[in-house]
Amino acid sequence: MNQKKMKLADIAELAGVSKSTVSFVLNGHATKHRIAPETVMKVEEVVKQYGYAPSTYARALKSNQTFTLGLVIPDLANMGFAMIAKKLERQSRELGYQLLIVSSEDDCEQEKRVVKSLLDRQVDLIISATSMLDAHFYSEVKKQVPIVFFDRVINQDEFTSIKTDARDATRQLIANLAKGCDECVYLGGQLHLSPSQDRLAGYRDGLAEVGIEYDDEWVLHQDFQPESGYQMMADIVNRKGGMPAALFTASYSIFEGVLKYLTDHRLFDHKIRLATFDHYTIIDCLPIQVGSIEQDSDSIAQAIFTQVQSLIDDPMMTPRHIVLPAKLHFIVN
């Protein structure tokens, strides 16, 4: 039988059952309609043998869903977001969904445009690492589709969210990094973003833990791009007239800029204790020891998708907030 022309009636004929029985099995309603397990098995064997897949459009019409999800991330080149996007795409595909990925480029107006384009494509739900300052825009979007925020959180009373416990992880790493030092510089991204606020709070907690007084002169903020890391590192060296004793970057992308500055100015021989939020295998290949915070991208992606499924089943579900621990890579000496 020609696989491309396979219809529900063909599956029914091959399995020796009615079309309605095949429909109930394929739509997950076999138990509800008391279809015997051996009948379910027969239908599933035929479906598997002939590679039958129901029409996406027919499935959408019957369920009032498009089986598409929208994912909004700030930077397609950011390894952390790219890893989570990859895992979410795989999970979506395995469960019969298509994931549409768009980039806000960390620009609120661009984010509004790409979210509206997702709504035009009638996605069933939007997952977002937002660049927005407040929830007004997404409150309007929520009237059309459910929203799940991850990494960047706004208005927890209204939206479900998933994030890493950045404050506690940063506290622990700073306490390790700054121990025995009289200063510890912090280079961060946009301060209005919730991850920036959590990481800065953890930095202050860590300093207090080892008895170092917080000093605004040690804290610089721009955005999360490598170029900003390079510029902030140059500013610190110029301001101090030399290298700081210890330095923490609030993201790996900022850390990349710091590494380029150190390489360009041949400063790797200088004694400096370095640490960063995020961890990738390249860090283990560096000629110096670097402390880092490793986010659990598998657990983050799984938590996101669990909440996605719950919200699709019940769009009026009370918002849930999942905070996941991170793995710390301490400086040993």
C-alpha atoms as a PDB file:
ATOM      1  CA  MET A   1       0.000   0.000   0.000  1.00  0.00           C
ATOM      2  CA  ASN A   2       1.310   3.439  -0.910  1.00  0.00           C
ATOM      3  CA  GLN A   3       2.436   5.032   2.372  1.00  0.00           C
ATOM      4  CA  LYS A   4       1.858   8.566   1.077  1.00  0.00           C
ATOM      5  CA  LYS A   5      -1.817   7.853   0.392  1.00  0.00           C
ATOM      6  CA  MET A   6      -2.452   5.946   3.629  1.00  0.00           C
ATOM      7  CA  LYS A   7      -5.718   7.020   5.264  1.00  0.00           C
ATOM      8  CA  LEU A   8      -7.530   6.240   8.489  1.00  0.00           C
ATOM      9  CA  ALA A   9      -9.722   3.731   6.646  1.00  0.00           C
ATOM     10  CA  ASP A  10      -6.625   1.884   5.418  1.00  0.00           C
ATOM     11  CA  ILE A  11      -5.290   1.553   8.966  1.00  0.00           C
ATOM     12  CA  ALA A  12      -8.694   0.290  10.108  1.00  0.00           C
ATOM     13  CA  GLU A  13      -8.831  -2.310   7.326  1.00  0.00           C
ATOM     14  CA  LEU A  14      -5.320  -3.597   7.978  1.00  0.00           C
ATOM     15  CA  ALA A  15      -5.929  -3.803  11.743  1.00  0.00           C
ATOM     16  CA  GLY A  16      -9.381  -5.340  11.321  1.00  0.00           C
ATOM     17  CA  VAL A  17     -11.146  -2.646  13.337  1.00  0.00           C
ATOM     18  CA  SER A  18     -13.451   0.316  12.706  1.00  0.00           C
ATOM     19  CA  LYS A  19     -12.300   3.813  11.688  1.00  0.00           C
ATOM     20  CA  SER A  20     -13.618   5.206  14.976  1.00  0.00           C
ATOM     21  CA  THR A  21     -11.515   2.687  16.926  1.00  0.00           C
ATOM     22  CA  VAL A  22      -8.388   3.775  15.045  1.00  0.00           C
ATOM     23  CA  SER A  23      -9.251   7.427  15.719  1.00  0.00           C
ATOM     24  CA  PHE A  24      -9.720   6.797  19.446  1.00  0.00           C
ATOM     25  CA  VAL A  25      -6.375   4.966  19.674  1.00  0.00           C
ATOM     26  CA  LEU A  26      -4.435   7.628  17.740  1.00  0.00           C
ATOM     27  CA  ASN A  27      -5.930  10.438  19.809  1.00  0.00           C
ATOM     28  CA  GLY A  28      -5.159   8.760  23.143  1.00  0.00           C
ATOM     29  CA  HIS A  29      -8.770   7.965  24.042  1.00  0.00           C
ATOM     30  CA  ALA A  30      -8.552   4.159  23.998  1.00  0.00           C
ATOM     31  CA  THR A  31      -9.018   3.788  27.771  1.00  0.00           C
ATOM     32  CA  LYS A  32     -11.935   6.217  27.845  1.00  0.00           C
ATOM     33  CA  HIS A  33     -13.751   4.166  25.192  1.00  0.00           C
ATOM     34  CA  ARG A  34     -12.774   0.821  26.765  1.00  0.00           C
ATOM     35  CA  ILE A  35     -10.793  -0.426  23.813  1.00  0.00           C
ATOM     36  CA  ALA A  36      -8.987  -3.673  24.642  1.00  0.00           C
ATOM     37  CA  PRO A  37      -5.182  -3.501  25.020  1.00  0.00           C
ATOM     38  CA  GLU A  38      -4.711  -6.138  22.305  1.00  0.00           C
ATOM     39  CA  THR A  39      -6.748  -3.995  19.888  1.00  0.00           C
ATOM     40  CA  VAL A  40      -4.642  -0.946  20.740  1.00  0.00           C
ATOM     41  CA  MET A  41      -1.522  -3.014  20.085  1.00  0.00           C
ATOM     42  CA  LYS A  42      -2.828  -4.145  16.673  1.00  0.00           C
ATOM     43  CA  VAL A  43      -3.540  -0.573  15.602  1.00  0.00           C
ATOM     44  CA  GLU A  44      -0.157   0.661  16.849  1.00  0.00           C
ATOM     45  CA  GLU A  45       1.671  -2.147  15.026  1.00  0.00           C
ATOM     46  CA  VAL A  46       0.016  -1.231  11.718  1.00  0.00           C
ATOM     47  CA  VAL A  47       0.759   2.465  12.268  1.00  0.00           C
ATOM     48  CA  LYS A  48       4.405   1.680  13.004  1.00  0.00           C
ATOM     49  CA  GLN A  49       4.750  -0.756  10.089  1.00  0.00           C
ATOM     50  CA  TYR A  50       3.429   1.684   7.512  1.00  0.00           C
ATOM     51  CA  GLY A  51       4.811   4.859   9.078  1.00  0.00           C
ATOM     52  CA  TYR A  52       1.379   6.447   9.188  1.00  0.00           C
ATOM     53  CA  ALA A  53       1.230  10.036  10.463  1.00  0.00           C
ATOM     54  CA  PRO A  54      -2.065  11.923  10.765  1.00  0.00           C
ATOM     55  CA  SER A  55      -2.379  15.199   8.873  1.00  0.00           C
ATOM     56  CA  THR A  56      -1.199  18.135  10.979  1.00  0.00           C
ATOM     57  CA  TYR A  57      -4.068  20.204   9.665  1.00  0.00           C
ATOM     58  CA  ALA A  58      -6.651  17.526  10.434  1.00  0.00           C
ATOM     59  CA  ARG A  59      -5.230  17.095  13.915  1.00  0.00           C
ATOM     60  CA  ALA A  60      -5.337  20.866  14.454  1.00  0.00           C
ATOM     61  CA  LEU A  61      -8.956  21.110  13.331  1.00  0.00           C
ATOM     62  CA  LYS A  62     -10.047  18.319  15.662  1.00  0.00           C
ATOM     63  CA  SER A  63      -8.172  19.576  18.724  1.00  0.00           C
ATOM     64  CA  ASN A  64      -8.308  23.349  18.142  1.00  0.00           C
ATOM     65  CA  GLN A  65      -4.493  23.373  18.443  1.00  0.00           C
ATOM     66  CA  THR A  66      -1.756  24.039  15.894  1.00  0.00           C
ATOM     67  CA  PHE A  67       0.812  21.899  17.743  1.00  0.00           C
ATOM     68  CA  THR A  68       3.367  24.693  17.406  1.00  0.00           C
ATOM     69  CA  LEU A  69       5.195  26.460  20.233  1.00  0.00           C
ATOM     70  CA  GLY A  70       7.060  29.761  20.124  1.00  0.00           C
ATOM     71  CA  LEU A  71      10.458  30.284  21.779  1.00  0.00           C
ATOM     72  CA  VAL A  72      11.802  33.823  22.259  1.00  0.00           C
ATOM     73  CA  ILE A  73      15.485  34.131  23.167  1.00  0.00           C
ATOM     74  CA  PRO A  74      17.634  37.294  23.304  1.00  0.00           C
ATOM     75  CA  ASP A  75      20.627  36.048  21.324  1.00  0.00           C
ATOM     76  CA  LEU A  76      20.837  33.054  18.973  1.00  0.00           C
ATOM     77  CA  ALA A  77      24.638  33.024  19.355  1.00  0.00           C
ATOM     78  CA  ASN A  78      24.522  32.737  23.161  1.00  0.00           C
ATOM     79  CA  MET A  79      25.616  29.190  23.998  1.00  0.00           C
ATOM     80  CA  GLY A  80      23.413  28.899  27.084  1.00  0.00           C
ATOM     81  CA  PHE A  81      20.228  29.849  25.264  1.00  0.00           C
ATOM     82  CA  ALA A  82      21.255  27.782  22.227  1.00  0.00           C
ATOM     83  CA  MET A  83      21.687  24.664  24.376  1.00  0.00           C
ATOM     84  CA  ILE A  84      18.260  25.072  25.958  1.00  0.00           C
ATOM     85  CA  ALA A  85      16.684  25.789  22.555  1.00  0.00           C
ATOM     86  CA  LYS A  86      18.210  22.588  21.177  1.00  0.00           C
ATOM     87  CA  LYS A  87      16.855  20.494  24.049  1.00  0.00           C
ATOM     88  CA  LEU A  88      13.402  22.107  23.835  1.00  0.00           C
ATOM     89  CA  GLU A  89      13.250  21.516  20.080  1.00  0.00           C
ATOM     90  CA  ARG A  90      14.015  17.832  20.573  1.00  0.00           C
ATOM     91  CA  GLN A  91      11.415  17.435  23.318  1.00  0.00           C
ATOM     92  CA  SER A  92       8.830  19.277  21.229  1.00  0.00           C
ATOM     93  CA  ARG A  93       9.498  17.122  18.184  1.00  0.00           C
ATOM     94  CA  GLU A  94       9.287  13.894  20.163  1.00  0.00           C
ATOM     95  CA  LEU A  95       5.846  14.890  21.448  1.00  0.00           C
ATOM     96  CA  GLY A  96       4.495  15.992  18.089  1.00  0.00           C
ATOM     97  CA  TYR A  97       5.066  19.739  18.400  1.00  0.00           C
ATOM     98  CA  GLN A  98       7.023  22.100  16.179  1.00  0.00           C
ATOM     99  CA  LEU A  99       9.135  24.733  17.940  1.00  0.00           C
ATOM    100  CA  LEU A 100       9.440  28.120  16.228  1.00  0.00           C
ATOM    101  CA  ILE A 101      12.541  29.966  17.507  1.00  0.00           C
ATOM    102  CA  VAL A 102      12.882  33.749  17.239  1.00  0.00           C
ATOM    103  CA  SER A 103      15.409  36.267  18.581  1.00  0.00           C
ATOM    104  CA  SER A 104      14.604  39.530  20.337  1.00  0.00           C
ATOM    105  CA  GLU A 105      18.248  40.669  20.030  1.00  0.00           C
ATOM    106  CA  ASP A 106      17.734  42.032  23.564  1.00  0.00           C
ATOM    107  CA  ASP A 107      15.562  44.794  22.115  1.00  0.00           C
ATOM    108  CA  CYS A 108      12.044  45.360  23.481  1.00  0.00           C
ATOM    109  CA  GLU A 109      10.596  46.627  20.194  1.00  0.00           C
ATOM    110  CA  GLN A 110      12.120  43.737  18.267  1.00  0.00           C
ATOM    111  CA  GLU A 111      10.689  41.365  20.879  1.00  0.00           C
ATOM    112  CA  LYS A 112       7.197  42.790  20.378  1.00  0.00           C
ATOM    113  CA  ARG A 113       7.504  42.254  16.633  1.00  0.00           C
ATOM    114  CA  VAL A 114       8.665  38.641  16.853  1.00  0.00           C
ATOM    115  CA  VAL A 115       6.053  37.745  19.477  1.00  0.00           C
ATOM    116  CA  LYS A 116       3.331  39.213  17.252  1.00  0.00           C
ATOM    117  CA  SER A 117       4.675  37.123  14.366  1.00  0.00           C
ATOM    118  CA  LEU A 118       4.348  34.009  16.544  1.00  0.00           C
ATOM    119  CA  LEU A 119       0.772  34.961  17.381  1.00  0.00           C
ATOM    120  CA  ASP A 120       0.075  35.413  13.663  1.00  0.00           C
ATOM    121  CA  ARG A 121       1.218  31.811  13.214  1.00  0.00           C
ATOM    122  CA  GLN A 122      -1.261  30.773  15.925  1.00  0.00           C
ATOM    123  CA  VAL A 123       1.220  29.110  18.269  1.00  0.00           C
ATOM    124  CA  ASP A 124      -0.343  27.256  21.197  1.00  0.00           C
ATOM    125  CA  LEU A 125       2.037  28.773  23.774  1.00  0.00           C
ATOM    126  CA  ILE A 126       5.034  31.106  24.027  1.00  0.00           C
ATOM    127  CA  ILE A 127       8.232  30.396  25.992  1.00  0.00           C
ATOM    128  CA  SER A 128      10.264  33.551  26.575  1.00  0.00           C
ATOM    129  CA  ALA A 129      13.555  34.772  28.019  1.00  0.00           C
ATOM    130  CA  THR A 130      12.300  38.327  27.861  1.00  0.00           C
ATOM    131  CA  SER A 131      14.134  41.623  27.543  1.00  0.00           C
ATOM    132  CA  MET A 132      11.065  43.527  28.791  1.00  0.00           C
ATOM    133  CA  LEU A 133      11.165  45.784  31.844  1.00  0.00           C
ATOM    134  CA  ASP A 134       7.587  45.047  32.894  1.00  0.00           C
ATOM    135  CA  ALA A 135       4.752  42.635  32.185  1.00  0.00           C
ATOM    136  CA  HIS A 136       2.294  44.931  30.367  1.00  0.00           C
ATOM    137  CA  PHE A 137       2.977  43.599  26.857  1.00  0.00           C
ATOM    138  CA  TYR A 138       2.899  39.948  27.912  1.00  0.00           C
ATOM    139  CA  SER A 139      -0.251  40.516  29.980  1.00  0.00           C
ATOM    140  CA  GLU A 140      -1.967  41.359  26.695  1.00  0.00           C
ATOM    141  CA  VAL A 141      -0.352  38.382  24.944  1.00  0.00           C
ATOM    142  CA  LYS A 142      -1.559  36.083  27.724  1.00  0.00           C
ATOM    143  CA  LYS A 143      -5.149  36.873  26.744  1.00  0.00           C
ATOM    144  CA  GLN A 144      -4.445  34.902  23.556  1.00  0.00           C
ATOM    145  CA  VAL A 145      -1.975  32.171  24.573  1.00  0.00           C
ATOM    146  CA  PRO A 146      -0.290  30.926  27.780  1.00  0.00           C
ATOM    147  CA  ILE A 147       3.221  32.208  28.608  1.00  0.00           C
ATOM    148  CA  VAL A 148       6.181  30.501  30.298  1.00  0.00           C
ATOM    149  CA  PHE A 149       9.175  32.649  31.263  1.00  0.00           C
ATOM    150  CA  PHE A 150      12.619  31.158  31.803  1.00  0.00           C
ATOM    151  CA  ASP A 151      15.929  32.627  32.974  1.00  0.00           C
ATOM    152  CA  ARG A 152      14.476  36.156  32.961  1.00  0.00           C
ATOM    153  CA  VAL A 153      11.423  36.597  35.175  1.00  0.00           C
ATOM    154  CA  ILE A 154       8.812  39.366  35.382  1.00  0.00           C
ATOM    155  CA  ASN A 155       5.634  39.550  37.485  1.00  0.00           C
ATOM    156  CA  GLN A 156       5.651  36.192  39.247  1.00  0.00           C
ATOM    157  CA  ASP A 157       2.051  36.706  40.371  1.00  0.00           C
ATOM    158  CA  GLU A 158       0.874  36.400  36.769  1.00  0.00           C
ATOM    159  CA  PHE A 159       3.278  34.102  34.917  1.00  0.00           C
ATOM    160  CA  THR A 160       4.835  30.662  35.363  1.00  0.00           C
ATOM    161  CA  SER A 161       8.642  30.814  35.441  1.00  0.00           C
ATOM    162  CA  ILE A 162      11.755  28.625  35.560  1.00  0.00           C
ATOM    163  CA  LYS A 163      15.197  29.869  36.556  1.00  0.00           C
ATOM    164  CA  THR A 164      18.497  28.887  38.164  1.00  0.00           C
ATOM    165  CA  ASP A 165      19.129  29.894  41.776  1.00  0.00           C
ATOM    166  CA  ALA A 166      21.685  32.430  40.589  1.00  0.00           C
ATOM    167  CA  ARG A 167      21.858  34.402  43.816  1.00  0.00           C
ATOM    168  CA  ASP A 168      22.908  31.510  46.026  1.00  0.00           C
ATOM    169  CA  ALA A 169      25.288  30.056  43.431  1.00  0.00           C
ATOM    170  CA  THR A 170      26.963  33.448  42.943  1.00  0.00           C
ATOM    171  CA  ARG A 171      27.229  33.938  46.720  1.00  0.00           C
ATOM    172  CA  GLN A 172      29.106  30.665  47.094  1.00  0.00           C
ATOM    173  CA  LEU A 173      31.422  31.300  44.152  1.00  0.00           C
ATOM    174  CA  ILE A 174      32.279  34.862  45.235  1.00  0.00           C
ATOM    175  CA  ALA A 175      33.038  33.688  48.776  1.00  0.00           C
ATOM    176  CA  ASN A 176      35.496  31.221  47.248  1.00  0.00           C
ATOM    177  CA  LEU A 177      36.921  33.666  44.705  1.00  0.00           C
ATOM    178  CA  ALA A 178      37.410  36.664  47.000  1.00  0.00           C
ATOM    179  CA  LYS A 179      38.753  34.814  50.036  1.00  0.00           C
ATOM    180  CA  GLY A 180      42.125  36.309  50.952  1.00  0.00           C
ATOM    181  CA  CYS A 181      41.685  39.268  48.574  1.00  0.00           C
ATOM    182  CA  ASP A 182      41.062  42.899  49.454  1.00  0.00           C
ATOM    183  CA  GLU A 183      38.999  43.574  46.322  1.00  0.00           C
ATOM    184  CA  CYS A 184      36.801  41.711  43.843  1.00  0.00           C
ATOM    185  CA  VAL A 185      35.549  43.342  40.635  1.00  0.00           C
ATOM    186  CA  TYR A 186      32.110  42.570  39.162  1.00  0.00           C
ATOM    187  CA  LEU A 187      31.349  42.955  35.425  1.00  0.00           C
ATOM    188  CA  GLY A 188      27.664  42.567  34.569  1.00  0.00           C
ATOM    189  CA  GLY A 189      24.994  43.005  31.909  1.00  0.00           C
ATOM    190  CA  GLN A 190      21.805  45.058  31.850  1.00  0.00           C
ATOM    191  CA  LEU A 191      20.913  45.726  35.483  1.00  0.00           C
ATOM    192  CA  HIS A 192      17.152  45.851  34.886  1.00  0.00           C
ATOM    193  CA  LEU A 193      17.086  42.148  33.969  1.00  0.00           C
ATOM    194  CA  SER A 194      16.207  39.742  36.780  1.00  0.00           C
ATOM    195  CA  PRO A 195      19.314  37.510  36.283  1.00  0.00           C
ATOM    196  CA  SER A 196      21.528  40.603  36.629  1.00  0.00           C
ATOM    197  CA  GLN A 197      19.798  41.561  39.860  1.00  0.00           C
ATOM    198  CA  ASP A 198      20.102  38.025  41.261  1.00  0.00           C
ATOM    199  CA  ARG A 199      23.785  37.739  40.371  1.00  0.00           C
ATOM    200  CA  LEU A 200      24.659  41.160  41.766  1.00  0.00           C
ATOM    201  CA  ALA A 201      22.807  40.332  44.992  1.00  0.00           C
ATOM    202  CA  GLY A 202      24.780  37.072  45.214  1.00  0.00           C
ATOM    203  CA  TYR A 203      28.016  38.986  44.657  1.00  0.00           C
ATOM    204  CA  ARG A 204      27.210  41.301  47.558  1.00  0.00           C
ATOM    205  CA  ASP A 205      26.243  38.330  49.747  1.00  0.00           C
ATOM    206  CA  GLY A 206      29.519  36.579  48.937  1.00  0.00           C
ATOM    207  CA  LEU A 207      31.623  39.631  49.770  1.00  0.00           C
ATOM    208  CA  ALA A 208      29.836  40.021  53.097  1.00  0.00           C
ATOM    209  CA  GLU A 209      30.430  36.348  53.864  1.00  0.00           C
ATOM    210  CA  VAL A 210      34.222  36.800  53.684  1.00  0.00           C
ATOM    211  CA  GLY A 211      34.245  40.220  55.338  1.00  0.00           C
ATOM    212  CA  ILE A 212      34.858  42.436  52.303  1.00  0.00           C
ATOM    213  CA  GLU A 213      32.980  45.713  52.166  1.00  0.00           C
ATOM    214  CA  TYR A 214      30.991  46.344  48.975  1.00  0.00           C
ATOM    215  CA  ASP A 215      32.308  49.216  46.830  1.00  0.00           C
ATOM    216  CA  ASP A 216      30.430  50.688  43.829  1.00  0.00           C
ATOM    217  CA  GLU A 217      33.785  51.446  42.204  1.00  0.00           C
ATOM    218  CA  TRP A 218      34.303  47.729  41.661  1.00  0.00           C
ATOM    219  CA  VAL A 219      30.988  47.168  39.847  1.00  0.00           C
ATOM    220  CA  LEU A 220      30.465  47.863  36.131  1.00  0.00           C
ATOM    221  CA  HIS A 221      27.418  47.177  33.959  1.00  0.00           C
ATOM    222  CA  GLN A 222      26.874  47.296  30.203  1.00  0.00           C
ATOM    223  CA  ASP A 223      25.230  44.438  28.277  1.00  0.00           C
ATOM    224  CA  PHE A 224      25.997  40.731  27.910  1.00  0.00           C
ATOM    225  CA  GLN A 225      28.056  41.006  24.701  1.00  0.00           C
ATOM    226  CA  PRO A 226      31.780  40.080  24.532  1.00  0.00           C
ATOM    227  CA  GLU A 227      32.610  43.593  23.318  1.00  0.00           C
ATOM    228  CA  SER A 228      31.191  44.968  26.559  1.00  0.00           C
ATOM    229  CA  GLY A 229      33.333  42.574  28.578  1.00  0.00           C
ATOM    230  CA  TYR A 230      36.410  43.808  26.727  1.00  0.00           C
ATOM    231  CA  GLN A 231      35.526  47.469  27.293  1.00  0.00           C
ATOM    232  CA  MET A 232      34.663  47.017  30.979  1.00  0.00           C
ATOM    233  CA  MET A 233      37.939  45.178  31.566  1.00  0.00           C
ATOM    234  CA  ALA A 234      39.835  48.026  29.895  1.00  0.00           C
ATOM    235  CA  ASP A 235      37.971  50.546  32.059  1.00  0.00           C
ATOM    236  CA  ILE A 236      38.840  48.688  35.268  1.00  0.00           C
ATOM    237  CA  VAL A 237      42.542  48.384  34.380  1.00  0.00           C
ATOM    238  CA  ASN A 238      42.709  52.073  33.444  1.00  0.00           C
ATOM    239  CA  ARG A 239      40.835  53.122  36.567  1.00  0.00           C
ATOM    240  CA  LYS A 240      43.031  51.048  38.883  1.00  0.00           C
ATOM    241  CA  GLY A 241      46.257  51.537  36.994  1.00  0.00           C
ATOM    242  CA  GLY A 242      46.694  47.770  36.938  1.00  0.00           C
ATOM    243  CA  MET A 243      44.992  44.395  37.289  1.00  0.00           C
ATOM    244  CA  PRO A 244      42.450  43.692  40.065  1.00  0.00           C
ATOM    245  CA  ALA A 245      43.156  40.897  42.531  1.00  0.00           C
ATOM    246  CA  ALA A 246      39.924  39.054  41.691  1.00  0.00           C
ATOM    247  CA  LEU A 247      37.254  39.453  39.028  1.00  0.00           C
ATOM    248  CA  PHE A 248      33.816  37.928  38.394  1.00  0.00           C
ATOM    249  CA  THR A 249      31.835  38.190  35.162  1.00  0.00           C
ATOM    250  CA  ALA A 250      28.058  37.749  35.243  1.00  0.00           C
ATOM    251  CA  SER A 251      28.006  35.702  32.024  1.00  0.00           C
ATOM    252  CA  TYR A 252      30.310  33.655  29.831  1.00  0.00           C
ATOM    253  CA  SER A 253      29.842  36.095  26.933  1.00  0.00           C
ATOM    254  CA  ILE A 254      31.235  38.928  29.087  1.00  0.00           C
ATOM    255  CA  PHE A 255      34.021  36.563  30.174  1.00  0.00           C
ATOM    256  CA  GLU A 256      34.944  36.036  26.497  1.00  0.00           C
ATOM    257  CA  GLY A 257      35.594  39.766  26.206  1.00  0.00           C
ATOM    258  CA  VAL A 258      37.758  39.711  29.341  1.00  0.00           C
ATOM    259  CA  LEU A 259      39.803  36.818  27.916  1.00  0.00           C
ATOM    260  CA  LYS A 260      40.367  38.716  24.679  1.00  0.00           C
ATOM    261  CA  TYR A 261      41.551  41.766  26.627  1.00  0.00           C
ATOM    262  CA  LEU A 262      43.963  39.654  28.684  1.00  0.00           C
ATOM    263  CA  THR A 263      45.262  37.990  25.500  1.00  0.00           C
ATOM    264  CA  ASP A 264      45.627  41.232  23.530  1.00  0.00           C
ATOM    265  CA  HIS A 265      47.541  42.872  26.377  1.00  0.00           C
ATOM    266  CA  ARG A 266      49.534  39.748  27.356  1.00  0.00           C
ATOM    267  CA  LEU A 267      48.268  39.838  30.914  1.00  0.00           C
ATOM    268  CA  PHE A 268      47.773  36.124  31.551  1.00  0.00           C
ATOM    269  CA  ASP A 269      51.035  36.056  33.511  1.00  0.00           C
ATOM    270  CA  HIS A 270      49.625  38.493  36.060  1.00  0.00           C
ATOM    271  CA  LYS A 271      48.161  36.928  39.173  1.00  0.00           C
ATOM    272  CA  ILE A 272      44.409  37.361  39.039  1.00  0.00           C
ATOM    273  CA  ARG A 273      41.626  35.173  40.362  1.00  0.00           C
ATOM    274  CA  LEU A 274      38.880  34.797  37.742  1.00  0.00           C
ATOM    275  CA  ALA A 275      35.352  33.410  37.911  1.00  0.00           C
ATOM    276  CA  THR A 276      32.259  33.585  35.743  1.00  0.00           C
ATOM    277  CA  PHE A 277      28.596  32.735  35.692  1.00  0.00           C
ATOM    278  CA  ASP A 278      28.091  29.866  33.184  1.00  0.00           C
ATOM    279  CA  HIS A 279      30.412  26.991  32.457  1.00  0.00           C
ATOM    280  CA  TYR A 280      31.437  25.427  29.149  1.00  0.00           C
ATOM    281  CA  THR A 281      34.144  22.858  28.438  1.00  0.00           C
ATOM    282  CA  ILE A 282      36.438  25.481  26.875  1.00  0.00           C
ATOM    283  CA  ILE A 283      36.965  26.887  30.390  1.00  0.00           C
ATOM    284  CA  ASP A 284      38.737  23.651  31.362  1.00  0.00           C
ATOM    285  CA  CYS A 285      41.209  24.190  28.488  1.00  0.00           C
ATOM    286  CA  LEU A 286      42.400  27.627  29.616  1.00  0.00           C
ATOM    287  CA  PRO A 287      45.970  28.099  30.917  1.00  0.00           C
ATOM    288  CA  ILE A 288      44.624  29.512  34.191  1.00  0.00           C
ATOM    289  CA  GLN A 289      42.162  28.159  36.718  1.00  0.00           C
ATOM    290  CA  VAL A 290      38.705  29.749  36.475  1.00  0.00           C
ATOM    291  CA  GLY A 291      35.816  29.369  38.899  1.00  0.00           C
ATOM    292  CA  SER A 292      32.396  28.986  37.286  1.00  0.00           C
ATOM    293  CA  ILE A 293      28.696  28.339  37.786  1.00  0.00           C
ATOM    294  CA  GLU A 294      27.226  25.600  35.596  1.00  0.00           C
ATOM    295  CA  GLN A 295      23.506  25.799  34.910  1.00  0.00           C
ATOM    296  CA  ASP A 296      21.676  22.478  34.505  1.00  0.00           C
ATOM    297  CA  SER A 297      20.334  22.957  30.976  1.00  0.00           C
ATOM    298  CA  ASP A 298      18.769  19.469  30.914  1.00  0.00           C
ATOM    299  CA  SER A 299      16.748  20.151  34.056  1.00  0.00           C
ATOM    300  CA  ILE A 300      15.837  23.654  32.868  1.00  0.00           C
ATOM    301  CA  ALA A 301      14.542  22.359  29.526  1.00  0.00           C
ATOM    302  CA  GLN A 302      12.641  19.520  31.209  1.00  0.00           C
ATOM    303  CA  ALA A 303      11.068  21.885  33.748  1.00  0.00           C
ATOM    304  CA  ILE A 304      10.053  24.283  30.979  1.00  0.00           C
ATOM    305  CA  PHE A 305       8.404  21.544  28.962  1.00  0.00           C
ATOM    306  CA  THR A 306       6.600  20.109  31.979  1.00  0.00           C
ATOM    307  CA  GLN A 307       5.055  23.527  32.614  1.00  0.00           C
ATOM    308  CA  VAL A 308       4.273  23.926  28.902  1.00  0.00           C
ATOM    309  CA  GLN A 309       2.285  20.694  28.916  1.00  0.00           C
ATOM    310  CA  SER A 310       0.468  21.667  32.117  1.00  0.00           C
ATOM    311  CA  LEU A 311      -0.484  25.083  30.714  1.00  0.00           C
ATOM    312  CA  ILE A 312      -1.695  23.642  27.414  1.00  0.00           C
ATOM    313  CA  ASP A 313      -3.926  21.265  29.391  1.00  0.00           C
ATOM    314  CA  ASP A 314      -5.077  24.057  31.731  1.00  0.00           C
ATOM    315  CA  PRO A 315      -4.368  27.622  30.511  1.00  0.00           C
ATOM    316  CA  MET A 316      -5.923  29.008  33.715  1.00  0.00           C
ATOM    317  CA  MET A 317      -3.467  27.106  35.927  1.00  0.00           C
ATOM    318  CA  THR A 318      -2.120  29.026  38.941  1.00  0.00           C
ATOM    319  CA  PRO A 319       1.397  30.314  38.085  1.00  0.00           C
ATOM    320  CA  ARG A 320       4.227  28.063  39.256  1.00  0.00           C
ATOM    321  CA  HIS A 321       7.827  29.083  39.957  1.00  0.00           C
ATOM    322  CA  ILE A 322      10.625  26.560  39.664  1.00  0.00           C
ATOM    323  CA  VAL A 323      14.086  27.483  40.971  1.00  0.00           C
ATOM    324  CA  LEU A 324      16.827  24.993  40.115  1.00  0.00           C
ATOM    325  CA  PRO A 325      20.239  24.580  41.758  1.00  0.00           C
ATOM    326  CA  ALA A 326      23.477  25.100  39.836  1.00  0.00           C
ATOM    327  CA  LYS A 327      26.747  23.167  39.930  1.00  0.00           C
ATOM    328  CA  LEU A 328      29.753  25.119  41.185  1.00  0.00           C
ATOM    329  CA  HIS A 329      33.337  24.791  39.960  1.00  0.00           C
ATOM    330  CA  PHE A 330      35.486  26.355  42.672  1.00  0.00           C
ATOM    331  CA  ILE A 331      39.041  27.649  42.400  1.00  0.00           C
ATOM    332  CA  VAL A 332      41.085  25.115  44.360  1.00  0.00           C
ATOM    333  CA  ASN A 333      44.108  27.177  45.444  1.00  0.00           C
END
